Amino acid sequence: MRNRRQVAVVGVTGYTGLELARILLRHPALQPPVFYVRETNGAKCLAELFPQFRGWGQAALRPLAVEAIASSGAGAAFLATPHEVSAELAPALIKAGLCVVDLSAAFRFREAETFTSWYQLAAPHAQWLREAVYGIPELYAGEIAKARLVANPGCYATSVILALRPLVQAGWLAPGAGVVCDCKSGASGAGKDPRRDLHFVEVDENFKAYSLFNHRHTPEILEHTGLCESQVVFSTHLLPLARGILSSIYVSLAEPQTAADIETLYRKFYAGRPMVRLWPAGTLPELQHVAHTNFCDIGFALDKSARRLVVVSCLDNLGKGAAGQAVQNFNHMLGIEEQTSLQ
């Protein structure tokens, strides 16, 4: 029988993979993970590829091959790989007896057409889309704990869904009213591949909007809030910093509510969920409060009419928005405390 505490990590050369390595290497419940990459460039261990791991990150580095992972005895795999790579690797590893946490978007949607239309890529077989569990532990912990395949959510989507879900589930939003999700992210959210618009000179001392009305995280937000596309304006912006997401979400309430009632709603909804920190009514989180952590901080402001509400949600796009949440999901799959190795 495979040991889930023996972990294979595919893809460590990107920002998310590197963050994942930092978390897994200090995880007290795991054996030292083995990292698989397409090209090792002669390196035998992770510290040879990334000098920042010298002295504590002497984990094995091996060429990527499904057969090598399958024969290693590993019981679990993290895929920090492009969507199309994950679509091929995840089914093969599951068939070999491993469970998989996939950090790409390949398995985030129930319908193949959703993935194909938003990502312009061939979707995995419907069998795997039906089996995959969307990995927000605050919403789907029970399903995650039993899953063979967890689809880690998008970073923007996590910040917006966690902010909106309590209001939607309580039926507090005004029917048919527009919802504006105004989101800003650091440059690491765009990945490590070189792009002219992400050069230092282009990003530094600059601030811009992008992917308006066609950002790929849109369908995740719709599916897991229950809102319709015509109701939501999802705007994304690039901040001149490395990491972090701040989402300001503007909603209209169906009935007037007090600030105390809104705070109580959120506190009840996220009771016992240590990775969501709720701010007292009228106080707002900032990016510096969540950088290099796995917390999502949520605050809000209510206007004098008691019907216009702004919810502010902050997280680290590499932490709770990616690698940290992947480990949080995996902790549920192991049956241990979800915040293990996280902060």
C-alpha atoms as a PDB file:
ATOM      1  CA  MET A   1       0.000   0.000   0.000  1.00  0.00           C
ATOM      2  CA  ARG A   2       1.316   3.427  -0.924  1.00  0.00           C
ATOM      3  CA  ASN A   3       2.287   5.894   1.767  1.00  0.00           C
ATOM      4  CA  ARG A   4       0.668   9.310   1.258  1.00  0.00           C
ATOM      5  CA  ARG A   5       3.304  10.864   3.491  1.00  0.00           C
ATOM      6  CA  GLN A   6       5.850  10.059   0.794  1.00  0.00           C
ATOM      7  CA  VAL A   7       5.333  12.855  -1.716  1.00  0.00           C
ATOM      8  CA  ALA A   8       6.413  13.533  -5.286  1.00  0.00           C
ATOM      9  CA  VAL A   9       6.418  17.139  -6.517  1.00  0.00           C
ATOM     10  CA  VAL A  10       6.317  17.768 -10.244  1.00  0.00           C
ATOM     11  CA  GLY A  11       7.430  21.235 -11.261  1.00  0.00           C
ATOM     12  CA  VAL A  12       9.521  23.347  -8.934  1.00  0.00           C
ATOM     13  CA  THR A  13      11.086  25.892 -11.266  1.00  0.00           C
ATOM     14  CA  GLY A  14       8.159  28.342 -11.227  1.00  0.00           C
ATOM     15  CA  TYR A  15       7.206  30.714  -8.425  1.00  0.00           C
ATOM     16  CA  THR A  16       4.392  28.473  -7.181  1.00  0.00           C
ATOM     17  CA  GLY A  17       6.534  25.334  -7.279  1.00  0.00           C
ATOM     18  CA  LEU A  18       9.287  27.068  -5.343  1.00  0.00           C
ATOM     19  CA  GLU A  19       6.821  28.232  -2.687  1.00  0.00           C
ATOM     20  CA  LEU A  20       5.450  24.696  -2.497  1.00  0.00           C
ATOM     21  CA  ALA A  21       8.962  23.354  -1.930  1.00  0.00           C
ATOM     22  CA  ARG A  22       9.521  25.757   0.966  1.00  0.00           C
ATOM     23  CA  ILE A  23       6.350  24.558   2.690  1.00  0.00           C
ATOM     24  CA  LEU A  24       6.773  20.838   2.065  1.00  0.00           C
ATOM     25  CA  LEU A  25      10.419  20.726   3.121  1.00  0.00           C
ATOM     26  CA  ARG A  26       9.470  21.877   6.616  1.00  0.00           C
ATOM     27  CA  HIS A  27       6.277  19.790   6.861  1.00  0.00           C
ATOM     28  CA  PRO A  28       6.556  17.699  10.045  1.00  0.00           C
ATOM     29  CA  ALA A  29       4.216  14.921   8.883  1.00  0.00           C
ATOM     30  CA  LEU A  30       5.950  14.140   5.576  1.00  0.00           C
ATOM     31  CA  GLN A  31       8.997  12.242   4.506  1.00  0.00           C
ATOM     32  CA  PRO A  32      11.482  14.366   2.514  1.00  0.00           C
ATOM     33  CA  PRO A  33       9.740  15.031  -0.815  1.00  0.00           C
ATOM     34  CA  VAL A  34      11.296  14.159  -4.165  1.00  0.00           C
ATOM     35  CA  PHE A  35      11.153  16.785  -6.901  1.00  0.00           C
ATOM     36  CA  TYR A  36      10.741  15.966 -10.579  1.00  0.00           C
ATOM     37  CA  VAL A  37      11.571  18.380 -13.401  1.00  0.00           C
ATOM     38  CA  ARG A  38      11.894  18.044 -17.159  1.00  0.00           C
ATOM     39  CA  GLU A  39      15.522  19.112 -17.117  1.00  0.00           C
ATOM     40  CA  THR A  40      17.778  18.879 -14.053  1.00  0.00           C
ATOM     41  CA  ASN A  41      20.762  20.535 -15.791  1.00  0.00           C
ATOM     42  CA  GLY A  42      22.995  18.070 -13.973  1.00  0.00           C
ATOM     43  CA  ALA A  43      21.674  18.944 -10.504  1.00  0.00           C
ATOM     44  CA  LYS A  44      21.118  16.013  -8.157  1.00  0.00           C
ATOM     45  CA  CYS A  45      19.329  17.860  -5.351  1.00  0.00           C
ATOM     46  CA  LEU A  46      17.104  20.896  -5.006  1.00  0.00           C
ATOM     47  CA  ALA A  47      19.783  22.991  -3.320  1.00  0.00           C
ATOM     48  CA  GLU A  48      21.994  22.707  -6.404  1.00  0.00           C
ATOM     49  CA  LEU A  49      19.215  24.245  -8.480  1.00  0.00           C
ATOM     50  CA  PHE A  50      18.179  26.808  -5.854  1.00  0.00           C
ATOM     51  CA  PRO A  51      21.032  27.882  -3.544  1.00  0.00           C
ATOM     52  CA  GLN A  52      18.561  29.332  -1.025  1.00  0.00           C
ATOM     53  CA  PHE A  53      17.860  25.738   0.061  1.00  0.00           C
ATOM     54  CA  ARG A  54      21.470  24.977   1.001  1.00  0.00           C
ATOM     55  CA  GLY A  55      21.703  23.496   4.455  1.00  0.00           C
ATOM     56  CA  TRP A  56      18.049  22.509   4.717  1.00  0.00           C
ATOM     57  CA  GLY A  57      16.688  21.691   1.277  1.00  0.00           C
ATOM     58  CA  GLN A  58      18.846  18.731   0.236  1.00  0.00           C
ATOM     59  CA  ALA A  59      15.854  17.002  -1.338  1.00  0.00           C
ATOM     60  CA  ALA A  60      16.356  14.727  -4.323  1.00  0.00           C
ATOM     61  CA  LEU A  61      15.888  16.183  -7.812  1.00  0.00           C
ATOM     62  CA  ARG A  62      15.095  13.763 -10.633  1.00  0.00           C
ATOM     63  CA  PRO A  63      14.103  13.862 -14.307  1.00  0.00           C
ATOM     64  CA  LEU A  64      10.357  13.764 -14.844  1.00  0.00           C
ATOM     65  CA  ALA A  65       8.910  10.395 -15.814  1.00  0.00           C
ATOM     66  CA  VAL A  66       5.571   8.910 -14.780  1.00  0.00           C
ATOM     67  CA  GLU A  67       7.215   5.497 -14.466  1.00  0.00           C
ATOM     68  CA  ALA A  68       9.821   6.872 -12.068  1.00  0.00           C
ATOM     69  CA  ILE A  69       7.160   8.422  -9.830  1.00  0.00           C
ATOM     70  CA  ALA A  70       4.986   5.311  -9.960  1.00  0.00           C
ATOM     71  CA  SER A  71       7.884   3.042  -8.980  1.00  0.00           C
ATOM     72  CA  SER A  72       9.152   5.362  -6.235  1.00  0.00           C
ATOM     73  CA  GLY A  73       6.608   4.270  -3.634  1.00  0.00           C
ATOM     74  CA  ALA A  74       5.164   7.782  -3.349  1.00  0.00           C
ATOM     75  CA  GLY A  75       1.517   7.872  -2.364  1.00  0.00           C
ATOM     76  CA  ALA A  76       0.795  11.465  -3.353  1.00  0.00           C
ATOM     77  CA  ALA A  77       1.855  13.972  -5.978  1.00  0.00           C
ATOM     78  CA  PHE A  78       1.651  17.732  -6.276  1.00  0.00           C
ATOM     79  CA  LEU A  79       1.526  19.064  -9.827  1.00  0.00           C
ATOM     80  CA  ALA A  80       2.839  22.613 -10.205  1.00  0.00           C
ATOM     81  CA  THR A  81       2.730  22.259 -13.969  1.00  0.00           C
ATOM     82  CA  PRO A  82       1.058  23.901 -16.976  1.00  0.00           C
ATOM     83  CA  HIS A  83      -2.597  23.023 -17.556  1.00  0.00           C
ATOM     84  CA  GLU A  84      -1.970  20.715 -20.493  1.00  0.00           C
ATOM     85  CA  VAL A  85       0.793  18.854 -18.620  1.00  0.00           C
ATOM     86  CA  SER A  86      -1.402  18.317 -15.575  1.00  0.00           C
ATOM     87  CA  ALA A  87      -4.209  17.050 -17.801  1.00  0.00           C
ATOM     88  CA  GLU A  88      -1.933  14.201 -18.901  1.00  0.00           C
ATOM     89  CA  LEU A  89      -0.016  13.527 -15.700  1.00  0.00           C
ATOM     90  CA  ALA A  90      -2.825  13.490 -13.132  1.00  0.00           C
ATOM     91  CA  PRO A  91      -4.841  10.584 -14.630  1.00  0.00           C
ATOM     92  CA  ALA A  92      -1.668   8.547 -15.175  1.00  0.00           C
ATOM     93  CA  LEU A  93      -0.534   9.020 -11.577  1.00  0.00           C
ATOM     94  CA  ILE A  94      -3.973   8.266 -10.141  1.00  0.00           C
ATOM     95  CA  LYS A  95      -4.137   5.059 -12.178  1.00  0.00           C
ATOM     96  CA  ALA A  96      -0.746   4.177 -10.680  1.00  0.00           C
ATOM     97  CA  GLY A  97      -2.271   4.471  -7.209  1.00  0.00           C
ATOM     98  CA  LEU A  98      -1.295   7.994  -6.134  1.00  0.00           C
ATOM     99  CA  CYS A  99      -3.583  10.796  -5.031  1.00  0.00           C
ATOM    100  CA  VAL A 100      -2.988  14.142  -6.732  1.00  0.00           C
ATOM    101  CA  VAL A 101      -3.230  17.814  -5.817  1.00  0.00           C
ATOM    102  CA  ASP A 102      -3.122  19.758  -9.065  1.00  0.00           C
ATOM    103  CA  LEU A 103      -2.280  23.456  -8.988  1.00  0.00           C
ATOM    104  CA  SER A 104      -3.260  24.086 -12.617  1.00  0.00           C
ATOM    105  CA  ALA A 105      -6.753  24.818 -13.926  1.00  0.00           C
ATOM    106  CA  ALA A 106      -7.078  21.531 -15.821  1.00  0.00           C
ATOM    107  CA  PHE A 107      -9.607  19.955 -13.420  1.00  0.00           C
ATOM    108  CA  ARG A 108     -11.338  22.974 -11.879  1.00  0.00           C
ATOM    109  CA  PHE A 109     -14.554  22.715 -13.884  1.00  0.00           C
ATOM    110  CA  ARG A 110     -17.249  20.062 -14.119  1.00  0.00           C
ATOM    111  CA  GLU A 111     -17.915  20.786 -17.784  1.00  0.00           C
ATOM    112  CA  ALA A 112     -15.196  20.262 -20.374  1.00  0.00           C
ATOM    113  CA  GLU A 113     -16.656  23.084 -22.445  1.00  0.00           C
ATOM    114  CA  THR A 114     -15.969  25.589 -19.658  1.00  0.00           C
ATOM    115  CA  PHE A 115     -12.280  24.766 -19.593  1.00  0.00           C
ATOM    116  CA  THR A 116     -11.992  24.623 -23.376  1.00  0.00           C
ATOM    117  CA  SER A 117     -13.719  27.943 -23.990  1.00  0.00           C
ATOM    118  CA  TRP A 118     -11.820  29.900 -21.318  1.00  0.00           C
ATOM    119  CA  TYR A 119      -8.371  28.298 -21.725  1.00  0.00           C
ATOM    120  CA  GLN A 120      -8.425  27.347 -25.410  1.00  0.00           C
ATOM    121  CA  LEU A 121      -7.041  23.911 -24.583  1.00  0.00           C
ATOM    122  CA  ALA A 122      -8.386  20.383 -24.828  1.00  0.00           C
ATOM    123  CA  ALA A 123     -10.089  19.387 -21.586  1.00  0.00           C
ATOM    124  CA  PRO A 124      -9.322  16.185 -19.673  1.00  0.00           C
ATOM    125  CA  HIS A 125     -11.751  13.290 -20.017  1.00  0.00           C
ATOM    126  CA  ALA A 126     -15.126  13.900 -18.366  1.00  0.00           C
ATOM    127  CA  GLN A 127     -14.446  11.071 -15.900  1.00  0.00           C
ATOM    128  CA  TRP A 128     -11.651  13.080 -14.273  1.00  0.00           C
ATOM    129  CA  LEU A 129     -13.594  16.320 -14.282  1.00  0.00           C
ATOM    130  CA  ARG A 130     -16.433  14.607 -12.422  1.00  0.00           C
ATOM    131  CA  GLU A 131     -14.064  13.080  -9.896  1.00  0.00           C
ATOM    132  CA  ALA A 132     -12.001  16.183  -9.126  1.00  0.00           C
ATOM    133  CA  VAL A 133     -12.863  18.142  -5.979  1.00  0.00           C
ATOM    134  CA  TYR A 134     -12.494  21.920  -6.028  1.00  0.00           C
ATOM    135  CA  GLY A 135      -9.957  22.719  -3.344  1.00  0.00           C
ATOM    136  CA  ILE A 136     -11.254  25.434  -1.046  1.00  0.00           C
ATOM    137  CA  PRO A 137     -11.103  23.687   2.357  1.00  0.00           C
ATOM    138  CA  GLU A 138     -13.338  26.259   4.014  1.00  0.00           C
ATOM    139  CA  LEU A 139     -16.160  25.118   1.708  1.00  0.00           C
ATOM    140  CA  TYR A 140     -15.438  21.515   0.739  1.00  0.00           C
ATOM    141  CA  ALA A 141     -13.320  19.974   3.505  1.00  0.00           C
ATOM    142  CA  GLY A 142     -15.320  16.736   3.667  1.00  0.00           C
ATOM    143  CA  GLU A 143     -15.056  16.062  -0.055  1.00  0.00           C
ATOM    144  CA  ILE A 144     -11.365  16.991  -0.112  1.00  0.00           C
ATOM    145  CA  ALA A 145     -10.549  14.548   2.678  1.00  0.00           C
ATOM    146  CA  LYS A 146     -11.875  11.639   0.576  1.00  0.00           C
ATOM    147  CA  ALA A 147     -10.591  12.789  -2.819  1.00  0.00           C
ATOM    148  CA  ARG A 148      -8.078  11.167  -5.126  1.00  0.00           C
ATOM    149  CA  LEU A 149      -7.844  14.347  -7.209  1.00  0.00           C
ATOM    150  CA  VAL A 150      -8.035  17.892  -5.844  1.00  0.00           C
ATOM    151  CA  ALA A 151      -8.131  20.850  -8.223  1.00  0.00           C
ATOM    152  CA  ASN A 152      -6.456  23.743  -6.465  1.00  0.00           C
ATOM    153  CA  PRO A 153      -8.370  27.002  -7.109  1.00  0.00           C
ATOM    154  CA  GLY A 154      -7.111  30.126  -8.820  1.00  0.00           C
ATOM    155  CA  CYS A 155      -5.682  32.872  -6.619  1.00  0.00           C
ATOM    156  CA  TYR A 156      -8.130  35.624  -7.593  1.00  0.00           C
ATOM    157  CA  ALA A 157     -10.997  33.159  -7.410  1.00  0.00           C
ATOM    158  CA  THR A 158     -10.080  32.163  -3.859  1.00  0.00           C
ATOM    159  CA  SER A 159     -10.089  35.755  -2.645  1.00  0.00           C
ATOM    160  CA  VAL A 160     -13.444  36.545  -4.245  1.00  0.00           C
ATOM    161  CA  ILE A 161     -15.254  33.298  -3.397  1.00  0.00           C
ATOM    162  CA  LEU A 162     -14.264  33.429   0.274  1.00  0.00           C
ATOM    163  CA  ALA A 163     -15.503  37.023   0.471  1.00  0.00           C
ATOM    164  CA  LEU A 164     -18.831  36.429  -1.286  1.00  0.00           C
ATOM    165  CA  ARG A 165     -19.919  32.932  -0.308  1.00  0.00           C
ATOM    166  CA  PRO A 166     -21.307  33.786   3.174  1.00  0.00           C
ATOM    167  CA  LEU A 167     -23.477  36.575   1.720  1.00  0.00           C
ATOM    168  CA  VAL A 168     -24.739  34.438  -1.168  1.00  0.00           C
ATOM    169  CA  GLN A 169     -25.488  31.435   1.004  1.00  0.00           C
ATOM    170  CA  ALA A 170     -27.408  33.597   3.483  1.00  0.00           C
ATOM    171  CA  GLY A 171     -29.456  35.087   0.631  1.00  0.00           C
ATOM    172  CA  TRP A 172     -28.447  38.613   1.599  1.00  0.00           C
ATOM    173  CA  LEU A 173     -27.546  39.939  -1.851  1.00  0.00           C
ATOM    174  CA  ALA A 174     -30.142  42.063  -3.643  1.00  0.00           C
ATOM    175  CA  PRO A 175     -31.687  39.893  -6.395  1.00  0.00           C
ATOM    176  CA  GLY A 176     -30.285  40.772  -9.811  1.00  0.00           C
ATOM    177  CA  ALA A 177     -28.074  43.558  -8.475  1.00  0.00           C
ATOM    178  CA  GLY A 178     -24.605  43.879  -9.929  1.00  0.00           C
ATOM    179  CA  VAL A 179     -21.551  42.659  -8.018  1.00  0.00           C
ATOM    180  CA  VAL A 180     -18.226  44.354  -8.715  1.00  0.00           C
ATOM    181  CA  CYS A 181     -15.085  42.373  -7.886  1.00  0.00           C
ATOM    182  CA  ASP A 182     -12.227  44.851  -8.162  1.00  0.00           C
ATOM    183  CA  CYS A 183      -8.985  42.892  -7.702  1.00  0.00           C
ATOM    184  CA  LYS A 184      -5.270  43.709  -7.670  1.00  0.00           C
ATOM    185  CA  SER A 185      -2.362  41.258  -7.769  1.00  0.00           C
ATOM    186  CA  GLY A 186       1.408  41.229  -7.594  1.00  0.00           C
ATOM    187  CA  ALA A 187       3.442  40.244 -10.650  1.00  0.00           C
ATOM    188  CA  SER A 188       4.278  36.699  -9.505  1.00  0.00           C
ATOM    189  CA  GLY A 189       0.675  35.757 -10.295  1.00  0.00           C
ATOM    190  CA  ALA A 190       1.546  35.943 -13.992  1.00  0.00           C
ATOM    191  CA  GLY A 191       4.119  33.161 -13.686  1.00  0.00           C
ATOM    192  CA  LYS A 192       7.832  32.998 -14.428  1.00  0.00           C
ATOM    193  CA  ASP A 193       7.885  32.838 -18.217  1.00  0.00           C
ATOM    194  CA  PRO A 194       9.554  35.963 -19.649  1.00  0.00           C
ATOM    195  CA  ARG A 195       7.124  38.542 -21.017  1.00  0.00           C
ATOM    196  CA  ARG A 196       7.810  42.059 -22.176  1.00  0.00           C
ATOM    197  CA  ASP A 197       4.925  43.545 -20.193  1.00  0.00           C
ATOM    198  CA  LEU A 198       6.311  42.019 -16.981  1.00  0.00           C
ATOM    199  CA  HIS A 199       9.824  43.404 -17.285  1.00  0.00           C
ATOM    200  CA  PHE A 200      10.895  45.406 -14.236  1.00  0.00           C
ATOM    201  CA  VAL A 201      10.843  48.690 -16.131  1.00  0.00           C
ATOM    202  CA  GLU A 202       7.272  48.027 -17.307  1.00  0.00           C
ATOM    203  CA  VAL A 203       5.921  47.071 -13.869  1.00  0.00           C
ATOM    204  CA  ASP A 204       7.846  49.355 -11.521  1.00  0.00           C
ATOM    205  CA  GLU A 205       6.022  52.595 -10.669  1.00  0.00           C
ATOM    206  CA  ASN A 206       3.108  51.474 -12.819  1.00  0.00           C
ATOM    207  CA  PHE A 207      -0.433  50.186 -12.247  1.00  0.00           C
ATOM    208  CA  LYS A 208      -2.718  48.794 -14.919  1.00  0.00           C
ATOM    209  CA  ALA A 209      -5.897  46.852 -15.576  1.00  0.00           C
ATOM    210  CA  TYR A 210      -5.869  43.732 -17.753  1.00  0.00           C
ATOM    211  CA  SER A 211      -8.074  40.873 -19.017  1.00  0.00           C
ATOM    212  CA  LEU A 212     -11.288  42.807 -18.434  1.00  0.00           C
ATOM    213  CA  PHE A 213     -14.359  40.605 -19.047  1.00  0.00           C
ATOM    214  CA  ASN A 214     -12.191  37.656 -20.082  1.00  0.00           C
ATOM    215  CA  HIS A 215     -10.045  36.699 -17.102  1.00  0.00           C
ATOM    216  CA  ARG A 216      -9.779  32.923 -16.779  1.00  0.00           C
ATOM    217  CA  HIS A 217     -10.738  32.875 -13.096  1.00  0.00           C
ATOM    218  CA  THR A 218     -14.198  34.206 -13.940  1.00  0.00           C
ATOM    219  CA  PRO A 219     -15.939  30.813 -14.340  1.00  0.00           C
ATOM    220  CA  GLU A 220     -14.574  29.620 -10.990  1.00  0.00           C
ATOM    221  CA  ILE A 221     -16.110  32.620  -9.277  1.00  0.00           C
ATOM    222  CA  LEU A 222     -19.444  32.040 -10.986  1.00  0.00           C
ATOM    223  CA  GLU A 223     -19.562  28.316 -10.248  1.00  0.00           C
ATOM    224  CA  HIS A 224     -18.745  28.643  -6.558  1.00  0.00           C
ATOM    225  CA  THR A 225     -20.776  31.719  -5.717  1.00  0.00           C
ATOM    226  CA  GLY A 226     -23.833  30.818  -7.799  1.00  0.00           C
ATOM    227  CA  LEU A 227     -23.889  34.248  -9.408  1.00  0.00           C
ATOM    228  CA  CYS A 228     -24.546  34.633 -13.130  1.00  0.00           C
ATOM    229  CA  GLU A 229     -22.033  36.122 -15.555  1.00  0.00           C
ATOM    230  CA  SER A 230     -24.226  39.112 -16.440  1.00  0.00           C
ATOM    231  CA  GLN A 231     -24.381  40.019 -12.752  1.00  0.00           C
ATOM    232  CA  VAL A 232     -20.632  40.094 -12.079  1.00  0.00           C
ATOM    233  CA  VAL A 233     -17.985  42.592 -13.144  1.00  0.00           C
ATOM    234  CA  PHE A 234     -14.599  41.032 -12.403  1.00  0.00           C
ATOM    235  CA  SER A 235     -11.746  43.478 -12.969  1.00  0.00           C
ATOM    236  CA  THR A 236      -8.095  42.577 -12.478  1.00  0.00           C
ATOM    237  CA  HIS A 237      -5.081  44.862 -12.061  1.00  0.00           C
ATOM    238  CA  LEU A 238      -1.316  44.420 -11.882  1.00  0.00           C
ATOM    239  CA  LEU A 239       0.421  45.955  -8.875  1.00  0.00           C
ATOM    240  CA  PRO A 240       4.124  46.888  -8.913  1.00  0.00           C
ATOM    241  CA  LEU A 241       5.017  44.340  -6.235  1.00  0.00           C
ATOM    242  CA  ALA A 242       6.006  40.684  -6.149  1.00  0.00           C
ATOM    243  CA  ARG A 243       3.159  38.985  -4.320  1.00  0.00           C
ATOM    244  CA  GLY A 244      -0.259  39.514  -2.805  1.00  0.00           C
ATOM    245  CA  ILE A 245      -3.896  40.004  -3.853  1.00  0.00           C
ATOM    246  CA  LEU A 246      -6.342  42.590  -2.561  1.00  0.00           C
ATOM    247  CA  SER A 247      -9.955  42.287  -3.712  1.00  0.00           C
ATOM    248  CA  SER A 248     -12.516  45.004  -3.053  1.00  0.00           C
ATOM    249  CA  ILE A 249     -15.994  43.614  -3.640  1.00  0.00           C
ATOM    250  CA  TYR A 250     -18.989  45.939  -3.968  1.00  0.00           C
ATOM    251  CA  VAL A 251     -22.466  44.536  -3.335  1.00  0.00           C
ATOM    252  CA  SER A 252     -26.005  45.699  -2.627  1.00  0.00           C
ATOM    253  CA  LEU A 253     -27.957  43.982   0.139  1.00  0.00           C
ATOM    254  CA  ALA A 254     -31.553  42.869  -0.255  1.00  0.00           C
ATOM    255  CA  GLU A 255     -32.447  44.214   3.187  1.00  0.00           C
ATOM    256  CA  PRO A 256     -30.678  46.652   5.525  1.00  0.00           C
ATOM    257  CA  GLN A 257     -28.219  44.930   7.848  1.00  0.00           C
ATOM    258  CA  THR A 258     -26.226  46.148  10.800  1.00  0.00           C
ATOM    259  CA  ALA A 259     -22.443  45.929  10.872  1.00  0.00           C
ATOM    260  CA  ALA A 260     -22.750  43.618  13.870  1.00  0.00           C
ATOM    261  CA  ASP A 261     -25.036  41.271  11.927  1.00  0.00           C
ATOM    262  CA  ILE A 262     -22.629  41.140   8.999  1.00  0.00           C
ATOM    263  CA  GLU A 263     -19.668  40.421  11.257  1.00  0.00           C
ATOM    264  CA  THR A 264     -21.650  37.691  13.015  1.00  0.00           C
ATOM    265  CA  LEU A 265     -22.577  36.118   9.676  1.00  0.00           C
ATOM    266  CA  TYR A 266     -18.919  35.852   8.627  1.00  0.00           C
ATOM    267  CA  ARG A 267     -17.743  34.633  12.021  1.00  0.00           C
ATOM    268  CA  LYS A 268     -20.345  31.866  12.095  1.00  0.00           C
ATOM    269  CA  PHE A 269     -19.606  30.867   8.502  1.00  0.00           C
ATOM    270  CA  TYR A 270     -15.852  30.585   9.093  1.00  0.00           C
ATOM    271  CA  ALA A 271     -15.948  29.320  12.681  1.00  0.00           C
ATOM    272  CA  GLY A 272     -13.255  26.684  13.133  1.00  0.00           C
ATOM    273  CA  ARG A 273     -11.499  27.660   9.894  1.00  0.00           C
ATOM    274  CA  PRO A 274      -8.069  28.875  11.034  1.00  0.00           C
ATOM    275  CA  MET A 275      -6.846  30.102   7.669  1.00  0.00           C
ATOM    276  CA  VAL A 276      -9.549  32.785   7.346  1.00  0.00           C
ATOM    277  CA  ARG A 277      -9.028  35.753   9.660  1.00  0.00           C
ATOM    278  CA  LEU A 278     -11.960  38.115  10.084  1.00  0.00           C
ATOM    279  CA  TRP A 279     -11.447  41.757  10.943  1.00  0.00           C
ATOM    280  CA  PRO A 280     -13.784  43.662  13.273  1.00  0.00           C
ATOM    281  CA  ALA A 281     -16.562  45.656  11.599  1.00  0.00           C
ATOM    282  CA  GLY A 282     -15.251  48.773   9.914  1.00  0.00           C
ATOM    283  CA  THR A 283     -11.593  47.738   9.866  1.00  0.00           C
ATOM    284  CA  LEU A 284      -9.843  46.582   6.698  1.00  0.00           C
ATOM    285  CA  PRO A 285      -6.938  44.222   5.991  1.00  0.00           C
ATOM    286  CA  GLU A 286      -3.875  45.145   3.949  1.00  0.00           C
ATOM    287  CA  LEU A 287      -1.468  43.165   1.798  1.00  0.00           C
ATOM    288  CA  GLN A 288       1.344  43.467   4.323  1.00  0.00           C
ATOM    289  CA  HIS A 289      -0.796  41.560   6.814  1.00  0.00           C
ATOM    290  CA  VAL A 290      -0.943  38.429   4.661  1.00  0.00           C
ATOM    291  CA  ALA A 291       2.331  38.410   2.688  1.00  0.00           C
ATOM    292  CA  HIS A 292       4.264  35.131   3.106  1.00  0.00           C
ATOM    293  CA  THR A 293       1.339  33.506   4.961  1.00  0.00           C
ATOM    294  CA  ASN A 294      -1.545  31.175   4.130  1.00  0.00           C
ATOM    295  CA  PHE A 295      -4.196  33.443   5.640  1.00  0.00           C
ATOM    296  CA  CYS A 296      -7.070  35.079   3.845  1.00  0.00           C
ATOM    297  CA  ASP A 297      -8.006  38.231   5.767  1.00  0.00           C
ATOM    298  CA  ILE A 298     -11.512  39.632   5.305  1.00  0.00           C
ATOM    299  CA  GLY A 299     -12.923  42.977   6.431  1.00  0.00           C
ATOM    300  CA  PHE A 300     -15.829  45.144   5.378  1.00  0.00           C
ATOM    301  CA  ALA A 301     -17.392  48.602   5.406  1.00  0.00           C
ATOM    302  CA  LEU A 302     -21.130  49.328   5.420  1.00  0.00           C
ATOM    303  CA  ASP A 303     -22.603  52.641   4.265  1.00  0.00           C
ATOM    304  CA  LYS A 304     -25.240  54.712   6.101  1.00  0.00           C
ATOM    305  CA  SER A 305     -28.119  53.169   4.165  1.00  0.00           C
ATOM    306  CA  ALA A 306     -27.093  49.776   5.590  1.00  0.00           C
ATOM    307  CA  ARG A 307     -27.573  48.268   2.130  1.00  0.00           C
ATOM    308  CA  ARG A 308     -24.310  49.085   0.318  1.00  0.00           C
ATOM    309  CA  LEU A 309     -21.447  46.893   1.424  1.00  0.00           C
ATOM    310  CA  VAL A 310     -17.774  46.707   0.462  1.00  0.00           C
ATOM    311  CA  VAL A 311     -15.941  43.521   1.417  1.00  0.00           C
ATOM    312  CA  VAL A 312     -12.137  43.579   1.290  1.00  0.00           C
ATOM    313  CA  SER A 313     -10.323  40.261   0.952  1.00  0.00           C
ATOM    314  CA  CYS A 314      -6.524  39.918   1.098  1.00  0.00           C
ATOM    315  CA  LEU A 315      -4.248  36.930   0.569  1.00  0.00           C
ATOM    316  CA  ASP A 316      -0.812  35.969  -0.699  1.00  0.00           C
ATOM    317  CA  ASN A 317      -1.261  34.700  -4.249  1.00  0.00           C
ATOM    318  CA  LEU A 318       1.579  32.190  -3.771  1.00  0.00           C
ATOM    319  CA  GLY A 319       0.307  31.123  -0.328  1.00  0.00           C
ATOM    320  CA  LYS A 320      -3.452  30.854   0.195  1.00  0.00           C
ATOM    321  CA  GLY A 321      -3.799  31.574  -3.531  1.00  0.00           C
ATOM    322  CA  ALA A 322      -1.674  28.609  -4.630  1.00  0.00           C
ATOM    323  CA  ALA A 323       0.987  26.543  -2.811  1.00  0.00           C
ATOM    324  CA  GLY A 324      -0.240  27.132   0.744  1.00  0.00           C
ATOM    325  CA  GLN A 325      -3.782  26.185  -0.142  1.00  0.00           C
ATOM    326  CA  ALA A 326      -2.505  23.065  -1.932  1.00  0.00           C
ATOM    327  CA  VAL A 327      -0.809  21.937   1.279  1.00  0.00           C
ATOM    328  CA  GLN A 328      -3.890  22.879   3.303  1.00  0.00           C
ATOM    329  CA  ASN A 329      -5.913  20.616   0.998  1.00  0.00           C
ATOM    330  CA  PHE A 330      -3.380  17.823   1.332  1.00  0.00           C
ATOM    331  CA  ASN A 331      -3.476  18.058   5.124  1.00  0.00           C
ATOM    332  CA  HIS A 332      -7.185  17.260   4.901  1.00  0.00           C
ATOM    333  CA  MET A 333      -6.369  14.292   2.667  1.00  0.00           C
ATOM    334  CA  LEU A 334      -3.920  13.078   5.336  1.00  0.00           C
ATOM    335  CA  GLY A 335      -6.473  13.594   8.097  1.00  0.00           C
ATOM    336  CA  ILE A 336      -4.268  15.990  10.079  1.00  0.00           C
ATOM    337  CA  GLU A 337      -4.797  19.591  11.195  1.00  0.00           C
ATOM    338  CA  GLU A 338      -5.293  21.725   8.121  1.00  0.00           C
ATOM    339  CA  GLN A 339      -2.834  24.428   9.207  1.00  0.00           C
ATOM    340  CA  THR A 340       0.088  21.989   9.623  1.00  0.00           C
ATOM    341  CA  SER A 341       3.284  23.563   8.185  1.00  0.00           C
ATOM    342  CA  LEU A 342       1.337  26.735   7.364  1.00  0.00           C
ATOM    343  CA  GLN A 343       1.192  30.126   9.031  1.00  0.00           C
END
